[in-house]
Amino acid sequence: MRKHSFLRGLTAFTLAGLLAFYSGVVQLPNVSAESITDLKSQLAELEKQEEENNKRLEELRDDVSQKRAYRDELQGKIDIIQQQLDILVQRINELDAQIEQGEQDIADTRISINANYTKLKKRLRALYMAGEASNLSILLSSTSLVDYTQKSEVIQSVTKHDTELLDTLEEQLTSIQEQVEKINADKEELSTDKKDLDSKSDELSALYLENQKLLDEAEQNEAEAQAEAERLEKEKEDADAAIDKWYEDYYAALKAASTNSGGSYDSGVGYIGTGSFVWPMPGYTYITCYYGDGGHRGIDIAGGGIYGKPIVAADGGKVIYSDWMDSYGYCVFIDHGNGYSTRYAHASALACSVGDTVSPGQTIAYVGSTGNSTGPHLHFEVIYYGSTTNPFNYF
């Protein structure tokens, strides 16, 4: 259950009402009506500003949340593209290595071709220079025609072997060149893909930076709105304290006027409370927040099935407020005519009206969870000459 400020309820009924209740019984204290009116006007204006600022703060928080989500989304996309770029760069590096190896193989093959071609030319030159003499030598050295034929074929096969070797090397060279060309084509394709990814990465990075700039501005605006909310809350607390002090002085003046007149303090309606209170929440005694806890001005009474149960007047008196009262939600305020007053907050429905005279134990409202409340309960206060007191002092 949440604590509540005594001043919020007091600001809900006017000084004119108080003057009506107390006139004719004792001489009223000389308290400026204009001052409390001004204080209430200031508080009302602060509450209006706070409401507007809180609305703006909520919008700014939503805006910041959306921009943070968009930033994270962009960062996720940038990370994915970077991973793809890393893979492409690695693949391009692998192709570069293959191209380098292929070019080296081409160079080695060309060296082999040139070397074998040089040998072939030397052999052919030797055969050419030998001419018919060589053929005659072969013939004369041959023992038979078969022997001559075989020796001639050997010479021809040497030449044929060299040319076949050159052809094989040329085929290898062509094959390597084709592989290198294909690798270069693959590399070109990957380089094009990389260029596209680089462009997309640059685009996303630009969006990220633009959004980050807007996010920084939104966070700054949110921080300023939060600071304004804190400032307004502080000013409201000061205004609340000023109103509390006004009423405290007012009740003290009433008490002093009553004492000086030799009479008894009376609400002016012919009824004075007993000063002895009955429990305001019949059948329920579970306390969820005690008087003074964190500045709590009353006690919170709760329990299973309490919603909608009757709330009763703790003592006889006159109803001076029965309506919505800011953080108290639907609330009843009873003046007991003897310096005491009681408040009953967060009701779901009201069973009395302003001006009603009520008796101890009479139903005045029903339990709810209106206003600033975290669940169904009765917030009950006992006020003596404008100051809250511990309700348990009277039971």
Protein backbone atom coordinates (compact mmCIF):
# COMPACT_ATOMS: atom_id res chain seq x y z
CA MET A 1 0.00 0.00 0.00
CA ARG A 2 1.22 3.51 -0.71
CA LYS A 3 1.59 6.39 1.69
CA HIS A 4 -0.54 9.46 1.14
CA SER A 5 -0.18 13.14 1.86
CA PHE A 6 -2.52 14.69 4.39
CA LEU A 7 -2.57 17.93 2.42
CA ARG A 8 -4.16 16.37 -0.66
CA GLY A 9 -7.41 15.76 1.14
CA LEU A 10 -7.42 19.10 2.87
CA THR A 11 -7.01 20.90 -0.44
CA ALA A 12 -10.19 19.26 -1.67
CA PHE A 13 -12.56 21.19 0.56
CA THR A 14 -12.60 24.96 0.71
CA LEU A 15 -11.98 27.40 3.47
CA ALA A 16 -15.48 28.67 2.97
CA GLY A 17 -16.78 25.25 4.10
CA LEU A 18 -14.67 25.35 7.23
CA LEU A 19 -15.87 28.86 8.02
CA ALA A 20 -19.47 27.67 7.70
CA PHE A 21 -18.87 24.76 10.09
CA TYR A 22 -17.16 26.81 12.81
CA SER A 23 -18.95 30.13 12.64
CA GLY A 24 -21.27 30.95 15.54
CA VAL A 25 -19.55 28.68 18.05
CA VAL A 26 -16.35 30.55 18.86
CA GLN A 27 -14.74 33.64 17.52
CA LEU A 28 -12.92 32.55 14.40
CA PRO A 29 -9.18 33.14 14.19
CA ASN A 30 -7.92 35.87 11.91
CA VAL A 31 -6.61 33.64 9.09
CA SER A 32 -6.43 34.95 5.53
CA ALA A 33 -8.73 33.10 3.15
CA GLU A 34 -6.79 34.56 0.26
CA SER A 35 -3.56 32.92 1.39
CA ILE A 36 -4.94 29.36 1.42
CA THR A 37 -6.71 30.01 -1.87
CA ASP A 38 -3.44 31.12 -3.38
CA LEU A 39 -1.68 28.07 -2.00
CA LYS A 40 -4.30 25.75 -3.43
CA SER A 41 -4.14 27.54 -6.78
CA GLN A 42 -0.38 27.12 -6.83
CA LEU A 43 -0.71 23.43 -6.01
CA ALA A 44 -3.38 22.97 -8.70
CA GLU A 45 -1.14 24.69 -11.27
CA LEU A 46 1.80 22.51 -10.26
CA GLU A 47 -0.33 19.39 -10.57
CA LYS A 48 -1.42 20.53 -14.05
CA GLN A 49 2.19 21.12 -15.07
CA GLU A 50 3.16 17.78 -13.59
CA GLU A 51 0.44 15.99 -15.54
CA GLU A 52 1.56 17.63 -18.79
CA ASN A 53 5.22 16.94 -18.07
CA ASN A 54 4.52 13.32 -17.13
CA LYS A 55 2.67 12.85 -20.41
CA ARG A 56 5.60 14.32 -22.32
CA LEU A 57 8.03 12.22 -20.27
CA GLU A 58 6.09 9.06 -21.15
CA GLU A 59 6.15 9.98 -24.84
CA LEU A 60 9.89 10.67 -24.65
CA ARG A 61 10.50 7.34 -22.94
CA ASP A 62 8.56 5.56 -25.69
CA ASP A 63 10.56 7.47 -28.30
CA VAL A 64 13.86 6.57 -26.62
CA SER A 65 12.79 2.94 -26.37
CA GLN A 66 11.90 2.81 -30.07
CA LYS A 67 15.16 4.45 -31.11
CA ARG A 68 17.16 2.07 -28.95
CA ALA A 69 15.35 -0.88 -30.49
CA TYR A 70 16.03 0.50 -34.00
CA ARG A 71 19.68 1.06 -33.11
CA ASP A 72 20.00 -2.53 -31.90
CA GLU A 73 18.27 -3.75 -35.08
CA LEU A 74 20.70 -1.78 -37.25
CA GLN A 75 23.65 -3.05 -35.25
CA GLY A 76 22.42 -6.61 -35.76
CA LYS A 77 22.24 -6.08 -39.53
CA ILE A 78 25.68 -4.45 -39.57
CA ASP A 79 27.11 -7.42 -37.65
CA ILE A 80 25.59 -9.89 -40.14
CA ILE A 81 26.98 -7.96 -43.13
CA GLN A 82 30.39 -7.76 -41.44
CA GLN A 83 30.36 -11.54 -41.00
CA GLN A 84 29.53 -11.94 -44.69
CA LEU A 85 32.30 -9.51 -45.60
CA ASP A 86 34.78 -11.45 -43.47
CA ILE A 87 33.84 -14.65 -45.31
CA LEU A 88 34.19 -12.94 -48.72
CA VAL A 89 37.57 -11.44 -47.81
CA GLN A 90 38.77 -14.85 -46.66
CA ARG A 91 37.55 -16.46 -49.90
CA ILE A 92 39.15 -13.70 -52.02
CA ASN A 93 42.43 -14.22 -50.17
CA GLU A 94 42.20 -17.96 -50.93
CA LEU A 95 41.58 -17.22 -54.62
CA ASP A 96 44.51 -14.79 -54.66
CA ALA A 97 46.69 -17.60 -53.35
CA GLN A 98 45.37 -19.98 -56.02
CA ILE A 99 45.95 -17.36 -58.72
CA GLU A 100 49.49 -16.83 -57.47
CA GLN A 101 50.10 -20.60 -57.52
CA GLY A 102 48.56 -20.87 -60.99
CA GLU A 103 50.73 -18.08 -62.34
CA GLN A 104 53.78 -19.80 -60.86
CA ASP A 105 52.73 -23.10 -62.51
CA ILE A 106 52.32 -21.27 -65.82
CA ALA A 107 55.78 -19.79 -65.50
CA ASP A 108 57.31 -23.19 -64.62
CA THR A 109 55.52 -24.89 -67.53
CA ARG A 110 56.73 -22.24 -69.97
CA ILE A 111 60.28 -22.77 -68.74
CA SER A 112 59.92 -26.52 -69.34
CA ILE A 113 58.47 -25.92 -72.79
CA ASN A 114 61.29 -23.56 -73.72
CA ALA A 115 63.94 -25.97 -72.44
CA ASN A 116 62.52 -28.95 -74.32
CA TYR A 117 61.98 -26.85 -77.41
CA THR A 118 65.64 -25.79 -77.31
CA LYS A 119 66.73 -29.44 -77.05
CA LEU A 120 64.49 -30.39 -79.96
CA LYS A 121 65.94 -27.65 -82.13
CA LYS A 122 69.44 -28.86 -81.36
CA ARG A 123 68.55 -32.44 -82.28
CA LEU A 124 66.86 -31.39 -85.50
CA ARG A 125 69.85 -29.21 -86.41
CA ALA A 126 72.20 -32.15 -85.81
CA LEU A 127 70.08 -34.43 -87.99
CA TYR A 128 69.87 -31.80 -90.70
CA MET A 129 73.62 -31.20 -90.71
CA ALA A 130 74.26 -34.95 -90.94
CA GLY A 131 72.04 -35.16 -94.00
CA GLU A 132 72.49 -38.17 -96.42
CA ALA A 133 75.88 -39.03 -94.99
CA SER A 134 74.21 -39.94 -91.84
CA ASN A 135 71.68 -42.05 -93.66
CA LEU A 136 74.55 -43.69 -95.61
CA SER A 137 76.39 -44.36 -92.37
CA ILE A 138 73.29 -45.95 -90.94
CA LEU A 139 72.94 -48.07 -94.08
CA LEU A 140 76.59 -49.16 -94.13
CA SER A 141 76.55 -49.96 -90.44
CA SER A 142 73.37 -52.00 -90.77
CA THR A 143 73.73 -55.79 -91.10
CA SER A 144 70.44 -56.11 -92.91
CA LEU A 145 67.53 -54.16 -94.34
CA VAL A 146 65.55 -54.88 -91.20
CA ASP A 147 68.39 -53.51 -89.08
CA TYR A 148 68.51 -50.35 -91.24
CA THR A 149 64.74 -49.85 -90.93
CA GLN A 150 64.81 -50.25 -87.16
CA LYS A 151 67.66 -47.72 -86.75
CA SER A 152 65.82 -45.18 -88.91
CA GLU A 153 62.66 -45.59 -86.84
CA VAL A 154 64.63 -44.97 -83.62
CA ILE A 155 65.87 -41.67 -84.98
CA GLN A 156 62.34 -40.69 -86.00
CA SER A 157 60.88 -41.79 -82.64
CA VAL A 158 63.32 -39.49 -80.80
CA THR A 159 61.98 -36.57 -82.78
CA LYS A 160 58.38 -37.73 -82.27
CA HIS A 161 58.93 -38.06 -78.48
CA ASP A 162 60.16 -34.48 -78.25
CA THR A 163 57.21 -33.11 -80.19
CA GLU A 164 54.74 -35.13 -78.11
CA LEU A 165 56.38 -33.81 -74.93
CA LEU A 166 56.03 -30.28 -76.21
CA ASP A 167 52.39 -30.88 -77.08
CA THR A 168 51.73 -32.24 -73.58
CA LEU A 169 53.38 -29.23 -71.98
CA GLU A 170 51.37 -26.89 -74.21
CA GLU A 171 48.16 -28.66 -73.16
CA GLN A 172 49.14 -28.33 -69.48
CA LEU A 173 49.89 -24.66 -70.03
CA THR A 174 46.50 -24.11 -71.66
CA SER A 175 44.74 -25.98 -68.84
CA ILE A 176 46.50 -23.93 -66.15
CA GLN A 177 45.72 -20.70 -67.95
CA GLU A 178 42.05 -21.68 -68.16
CA GLN A 179 42.01 -22.47 -64.42
CA VAL A 180 43.61 -19.13 -63.61
CA GLU A 181 41.08 -17.33 -65.82
CA LYS A 182 38.22 -19.11 -64.00
CA ILE A 183 39.70 -18.25 -60.63
CA ASN A 184 40.03 -14.62 -61.75
CA ALA A 185 36.39 -14.66 -62.84
CA ASP A 186 35.34 -16.07 -59.46
CA LYS A 187 37.42 -13.44 -57.74
CA GLU A 188 35.82 -10.71 -59.84
CA GLU A 189 32.38 -11.99 -58.89
CA LEU A 190 33.30 -12.09 -55.21
CA SER A 191 34.79 -8.61 -55.47
CA THR A 192 31.50 -7.36 -56.94
CA ASP A 193 29.59 -9.00 -54.06
CA LYS A 194 32.01 -7.44 -51.60
CA LYS A 195 31.50 -4.03 -53.17
CA ASP A 196 27.73 -4.43 -52.81
CA LEU A 197 28.09 -5.48 -49.17
CA ASP A 198 30.47 -2.59 -48.50
CA SER A 199 27.90 -0.22 -49.94
CA LYS A 200 25.12 -1.73 -47.83
CA SER A 201 27.33 -1.63 -44.75
CA ASP A 202 28.10 2.05 -45.37
CA GLU A 203 24.38 2.75 -45.77
CA LEU A 204 23.50 0.96 -42.54
CA SER A 205 26.36 2.67 -40.71
CA ALA A 206 25.06 6.05 -41.86
CA LEU A 207 21.57 5.15 -40.62
CA TYR A 208 23.08 3.94 -37.34
CA LEU A 209 24.97 7.21 -36.82
CA GLU A 210 21.90 9.28 -37.72
CA ASN A 211 19.70 7.26 -35.36
CA GLN A 212 22.34 7.46 -32.61
CA LYS A 213 22.33 11.24 -32.95
CA LEU A 214 18.53 11.30 -32.66
CA LEU A 215 18.73 8.85 -29.75
CA ASP A 216 21.22 11.08 -27.93
CA GLU A 217 18.85 14.03 -28.39
CA ALA A 218 15.87 11.98 -27.22
CA GLU A 219 17.77 10.78 -24.14
CA GLN A 220 18.77 14.36 -23.39
CA ASN A 221 15.13 15.46 -23.69
CA GLU A 222 14.09 12.55 -21.47
CA ALA A 223 16.68 13.54 -18.86
CA GLU A 224 15.46 17.13 -18.95
CA ALA A 225 11.83 16.02 -18.60
CA GLN A 226 12.83 13.76 -15.70
CA ALA A 227 14.63 16.66 -14.03
CA GLU A 228 11.53 18.79 -14.57
CA ALA A 229 9.38 16.05 -13.02
CA GLU A 230 11.64 16.00 -9.97
CA ARG A 231 11.54 19.79 -9.75
CA LEU A 232 7.74 19.83 -9.94
CA GLU A 233 7.52 17.07 -7.34
CA LYS A 234 9.74 19.09 -5.02
CA GLU A 235 7.64 22.22 -5.55
CA LYS A 236 4.47 20.21 -4.93
CA GLU A 237 5.95 18.91 -1.68
CA ASP A 238 6.75 22.49 -0.69
CA ALA A 239 3.22 23.59 -1.60
CA ASP A 240 1.80 20.63 0.32
CA ALA A 241 3.89 21.55 3.34
CA ALA A 242 2.70 25.15 3.11
CA ILE A 243 -0.93 24.03 3.01
CA ASP A 244 -0.34 21.63 5.91
CA LYS A 245 1.19 24.47 7.88
CA TRP A 246 -1.73 26.77 7.06
CA TYR A 247 -4.25 24.23 8.34
CA GLU A 248 -2.12 23.43 11.35
CA ASP A 249 -2.09 27.13 12.26
CA TYR A 250 -5.80 27.35 11.51
CA TYR A 251 -6.74 24.46 13.81
CA ALA A 252 -4.41 25.76 16.48
CA ALA A 253 -6.11 29.15 16.22
CA LEU A 254 -9.54 27.50 16.51
CA LYS A 255 -8.46 25.60 19.60
CA ALA A 256 -7.03 28.75 21.16
CA ALA A 257 -10.22 30.70 20.33
CA SER A 258 -12.34 27.96 21.91
CA THR A 259 -10.21 27.98 25.07
CA ASN A 260 -10.25 31.74 25.36
CA SER A 261 -14.03 31.83 24.95
CA GLY A 262 -14.46 29.35 27.76
CA GLY A 263 -16.59 27.15 25.53
CA SER A 264 -16.08 23.76 23.99
CA TYR A 265 -14.95 23.17 20.48
CA ASP A 266 -18.03 22.35 18.40
CA SER A 267 -18.57 21.96 14.70
CA GLY A 268 -21.60 24.20 14.86
CA VAL A 269 -24.03 21.45 13.85
CA GLY A 270 -25.06 20.40 17.30
CA TYR A 271 -22.93 17.30 17.46
CA ILE A 272 -19.72 16.57 19.37
CA GLY A 273 -17.96 13.23 18.93
CA THR A 274 -17.26 11.00 21.85
CA GLY A 275 -13.53 10.92 21.21
CA SER A 276 -13.71 7.16 21.54
CA PHE A 277 -13.53 5.41 18.15
CA VAL A 278 -14.99 2.16 16.89
CA TRP A 279 -13.01 0.01 14.41
CA PRO A 280 -13.75 1.38 10.91
CA MET A 281 -13.42 -1.96 9.08
CA PRO A 282 -15.64 -4.56 10.78
CA GLY A 283 -14.35 -8.11 10.42
CA TYR A 284 -10.91 -7.12 9.11
CA THR A 285 -7.85 -6.40 11.25
CA TYR A 286 -4.92 -7.27 8.97
CA ILE A 287 -2.60 -4.25 8.77
CA THR A 288 -0.45 -3.93 5.65
CA CYS A 289 1.08 -0.54 6.52
CA TYR A 290 1.33 1.09 9.93
CA TYR A 291 1.24 4.74 10.89
CA GLY A 292 4.61 6.39 10.38
CA ASP A 293 6.02 3.72 8.07
CA GLY A 294 7.94 5.73 5.50
CA GLY A 295 5.95 8.82 6.42
CA HIS A 296 2.61 7.01 6.22
CA ARG A 297 -0.13 9.19 7.75
CA GLY A 298 -2.57 6.45 8.69
CA ILE A 299 -3.02 2.69 8.69
CA ASP A 300 -3.92 0.39 5.80
CA ILE A 301 -6.44 -2.36 6.59
CA ALA A 302 -6.74 -5.28 4.15
CA GLY A 303 -7.68 -8.95 3.96
CA GLY A 304 -9.09 -11.63 1.70
CA GLY A 305 -12.43 -10.74 0.15
CA ILE A 306 -12.35 -7.22 1.56
CA TYR A 307 -13.30 -5.54 -1.72
CA GLY A 308 -16.77 -4.02 -1.50
CA LYS A 309 -17.12 -4.55 2.26
CA PRO A 310 -18.73 -1.72 4.33
CA ILE A 311 -16.58 1.01 5.85
CA VAL A 312 -18.11 2.56 8.99
CA ALA A 313 -17.70 5.91 10.76
CA ALA A 314 -15.25 5.61 13.63
CA ASP A 315 -17.21 8.23 15.62
CA GLY A 316 -20.21 10.47 15.22
CA GLY A 317 -19.84 13.72 13.31
CA LYS A 318 -20.58 15.56 10.12
CA VAL A 319 -19.43 14.58 6.61
CA ILE A 320 -17.39 17.47 5.23
CA TYR A 321 -16.12 15.68 2.14
CA SER A 322 -17.41 12.74 0.12
CA ASP A 323 -15.99 12.53 -3.39
CA TRP A 324 -12.84 11.86 -5.40
CA MET A 325 -9.74 13.22 -3.64
CA ASP A 326 -6.63 12.98 -5.83
CA SER A 327 -4.37 10.11 -4.73
CA TYR A 328 -6.90 9.05 -2.08
CA GLY A 329 -9.40 8.06 -4.76
CA TYR A 330 -12.97 8.09 -3.50
CA CYS A 331 -12.73 9.42 0.02
CA VAL A 332 -14.86 10.42 3.01
CA PHE A 333 -13.79 13.07 5.53
CA ILE A 334 -15.71 13.38 8.79
CA ASP A 335 -15.43 16.27 11.29
CA HIS A 336 -16.27 14.99 14.78
CA GLY A 337 -16.73 18.48 16.24
CA ASN A 338 -14.23 18.07 19.05
CA GLY A 339 -10.94 18.76 17.31
CA TYR A 340 -10.90 15.30 15.78
CA SER A 341 -11.55 14.37 12.18
CA THR A 342 -11.13 11.06 10.36
CA ARG A 343 -10.48 10.15 6.75
CA TYR A 344 -11.43 6.95 4.86
CA ALA A 345 -9.71 6.52 1.47
CA HIS A 346 -9.66 4.34 -1.69
CA ALA A 347 -13.36 3.47 -1.55
CA SER A 348 -15.06 1.72 -4.46
CA ALA A 349 -18.34 3.52 -3.70
CA LEU A 350 -19.64 6.17 -1.29
CA ALA A 351 -22.64 5.85 1.04
CA CYS A 352 -22.86 9.42 2.39
CA SER A 353 -22.89 12.99 1.17
CA VAL A 354 -21.39 16.27 2.33
CA GLY A 355 -23.47 17.68 5.19
CA ASP A 356 -24.72 14.28 6.42
CA THR A 357 -24.60 13.70 10.18
CA VAL A 358 -23.38 10.16 10.89
CA SER A 359 -23.30 7.97 13.98
CA PRO A 360 -20.51 5.67 15.20
CA GLY A 361 -20.59 2.41 13.20
CA GLN A 362 -22.73 3.82 10.39
CA THR A 363 -21.78 2.68 6.87
CA ILE A 364 -20.24 5.58 4.97
CA ALA A 365 -18.48 3.85 2.02
CA TYR A 366 -17.32 0.52 0.59
CA VAL A 367 -13.78 -0.83 0.25
CA GLY A 368 -12.06 -0.40 -3.10
CA SER A 369 -8.71 0.34 -4.69
CA THR A 370 -9.16 3.78 -6.23
CA GLY A 371 -6.52 6.51 -6.43
CA ASN A 372 -2.90 5.55 -5.75
CA SER A 373 -3.50 2.07 -4.44
CA THR A 374 -1.83 -1.28 -4.98
CA GLY A 375 -4.87 -3.37 -4.02
CA PRO A 376 -8.21 -3.32 -2.19
CA HIS A 377 -7.84 -1.85 1.31
CA LEU A 378 -8.99 0.94 3.63
CA HIS A 379 -6.60 3.77 4.33
CA PHE A 380 -7.73 5.25 7.68
CA GLU A 381 -6.46 8.46 9.30
CA VAL A 382 -7.17 10.17 12.60
CA ILE A 383 -6.46 13.93 12.62
CA TYR A 384 -6.38 16.08 15.74
CA TYR A 385 -6.44 19.84 15.25
CA GLY A 386 -4.92 19.46 11.79
CA SER A 387 -2.19 16.96 12.69
CA THR A 388 -2.34 13.25 11.95
CA THR A 389 -2.00 10.92 14.91
CA ASN A 390 -1.57 7.18 15.30
CA PRO A 391 -5.05 5.60 14.94
CA PHE A 392 -4.05 2.80 17.32
CA ASN A 393 -3.97 5.36 20.12
CA TYR A 394 -7.79 5.29 20.05
CA PHE A 395 -8.56 1.56 20.01
